[in-house]
Protein backbone atom coordinates (compact mmCIF):
# COMPACT_ATOMS: atom_id res chain seq x y z
CA MET A 1 -75.77 90.88 125.43
CA ALA A 2 -74.54 93.96 123.54
CA ILE A 3 -76.44 97.22 121.83
CA ASP A 4 -78.20 95.90 118.82
CA PRO A 5 -76.61 98.34 116.11
CA SER A 6 -79.16 97.67 113.94
CA PHE A 7 -81.87 99.05 116.91
CA GLU A 8 -82.97 101.19 114.03
CA GLN A 9 -85.05 98.84 111.64
CA ASN A 10 -85.21 96.21 114.52
CA ARG A 11 -87.38 98.20 116.89
CA GLU A 12 -89.84 101.03 117.00
CA LYS A 13 -89.07 104.58 117.58
CA VAL A 14 -91.71 105.03 120.73
CA ASP A 15 -91.05 108.54 122.65
CA GLU A 16 -88.44 111.32 123.09
CA GLU A 17 -87.28 112.11 126.51
CA HIS A 18 -84.89 115.13 127.42
CA GLY A 19 -84.68 115.77 123.62
CA VAL A 20 -83.41 112.37 122.77
CA ALA A 21 -85.20 109.72 120.62
CA VAL A 22 -86.48 106.69 122.89
CA TRP A 23 -86.67 103.05 121.26
CA GLY A 24 -88.51 100.30 122.28
CA PRO A 25 -90.06 98.05 123.92
CA VAL A 26 -90.12 100.17 126.89
CA ASP A 27 -91.52 98.83 130.10
CA PRO A 28 -90.38 100.59 133.00
CA PRO A 29 -88.45 99.96 135.43
CA GLU A 30 -87.41 96.88 133.87
CA ASN A 31 -87.33 97.41 130.09
CA LEU A 32 -85.90 101.29 129.15
CA GLY A 33 -85.52 100.74 125.63
CA ILE A 34 -82.45 102.63 123.82
CA ARG A 35 -81.82 106.23 123.87
CA GLY A 36 -80.46 108.35 121.09
CA THR A 37 -80.06 107.74 117.56
CA HIS A 38 -76.38 108.76 116.36
CA VAL A 39 -75.19 108.49 119.58
CA ALA A 40 -77.42 105.69 120.73
CA VAL A 41 -77.53 104.01 124.66
CA ASP A 42 -78.89 100.44 125.72
CA PHE A 43 -80.64 101.32 128.92
CA ASP A 44 -81.24 97.80 129.66
CA ILE A 45 -77.70 97.16 129.98
CA CYS A 46 -76.13 100.26 131.35
CA LEU A 47 -74.08 99.86 134.19
CA ALA A 48 -73.76 103.81 134.93
CA ASP A 49 -70.16 103.11 135.75
CA GLY A 50 -69.98 107.09 134.41
CA ALA A 51 -66.53 105.70 132.25
CA CYS A 52 -68.28 107.66 128.87
CA LEU A 53 -69.53 110.55 130.93
CA GLU A 54 -65.58 110.83 131.85
CA ASP A 55 -64.20 110.07 128.50
CA CYS A 56 -66.26 112.38 126.03
CA PRO A 57 -64.04 115.23 125.01
CA VAL A 58 -67.36 116.61 124.05
CA ASP A 59 -69.51 115.82 127.03
CA VAL A 60 -72.51 114.39 124.76
CA PHE A 61 -73.96 112.37 127.86
CA GLU A 62 -75.67 113.34 130.85
CA TRP A 63 -76.85 111.47 133.99
CA VAL A 64 -80.58 110.23 134.25
CA ASP A 65 -82.67 109.45 136.60
CA THR A 66 -84.15 105.74 136.03
CA PRO A 67 -85.46 104.48 139.49
CA GLY A 68 -86.23 101.03 139.91
CA HIS A 69 -83.98 99.45 137.45
CA PRO A 70 -82.03 96.16 138.33
CA GLU A 71 -79.11 97.18 136.17
CA SER A 72 -79.04 100.92 137.90
CA GLU A 73 -81.32 104.11 139.00
CA ILE A 74 -79.13 106.41 137.24
CA LYS A 75 -78.20 105.99 133.45
CA ALA A 76 -75.98 107.84 130.78
CA ASN A 77 -78.09 109.65 128.37
CA PRO A 78 -76.72 111.11 125.54
CA THR A 79 -78.65 114.21 125.57
CA ASN A 80 -76.07 115.91 123.52
CA GLU A 81 -75.65 113.71 120.80
CA ASP A 82 -75.33 116.75 118.04
CA GLN A 83 -71.78 117.27 119.92
CA CYS A 84 -70.95 114.17 118.98
CA ILE A 85 -67.04 114.31 117.26
CA ASP A 86 -67.16 110.48 116.00
CA CYS A 87 -64.66 110.06 118.35
CA MET A 88 -65.92 106.85 119.51
CA LEU A 89 -64.09 106.75 123.03
CA CYS A 90 -67.26 106.18 124.59
CA VAL A 91 -67.04 103.27 122.61
CA ASP A 92 -64.09 101.65 123.85
CA VAL A 93 -64.78 102.09 127.07
CA CYS A 94 -68.40 100.70 128.06
CA PRO A 95 -67.63 97.59 129.87
CA VAL A 96 -70.45 96.09 128.79
CA ASP A 97 -71.14 97.70 125.10
CA ALA A 98 -74.26 99.28 125.74
CA ILE A 99 -72.98 101.97 123.66
CA ASP A 100 -73.00 102.67 119.67
CA VAL A 101 -72.33 105.41 117.54
CA ASP A 102 -72.52 105.40 113.78
CA PRO A 103 -72.12 108.48 111.85
CA GLY A 104 -74.04 107.81 109.14
CA ARG A 105 -76.79 106.43 111.10
CA ALA A 106 -80.11 108.96 110.48
CA GLY A 107 -80.69 111.80 113.06
CA ARG A 108 -77.09 112.93 112.74
CA ILE A 109 -77.04 116.75 112.68
């Protein structure tokens, strides 16, 4: 199942970690929610294969630890989403469609 592109309407912003919005529900370690707004990563389905980190030309993503999560114990966090140039490479290379980039979404800097 891919990330919900309407997560802003369907989820509640519950926190902020590493300077990035967290959209619930969150119940660690299994449910980690969606991280980011303009560049959003569904931590519940992210496999941490690293393709987004490798392909992003402006280094939007950084690894963060997610110990105990059933998919992977690290995730690609959009820590520098304000640097995003909307090239969509991260969206294209994600094997599980865990990333959504929307230039019109609230939070665009």
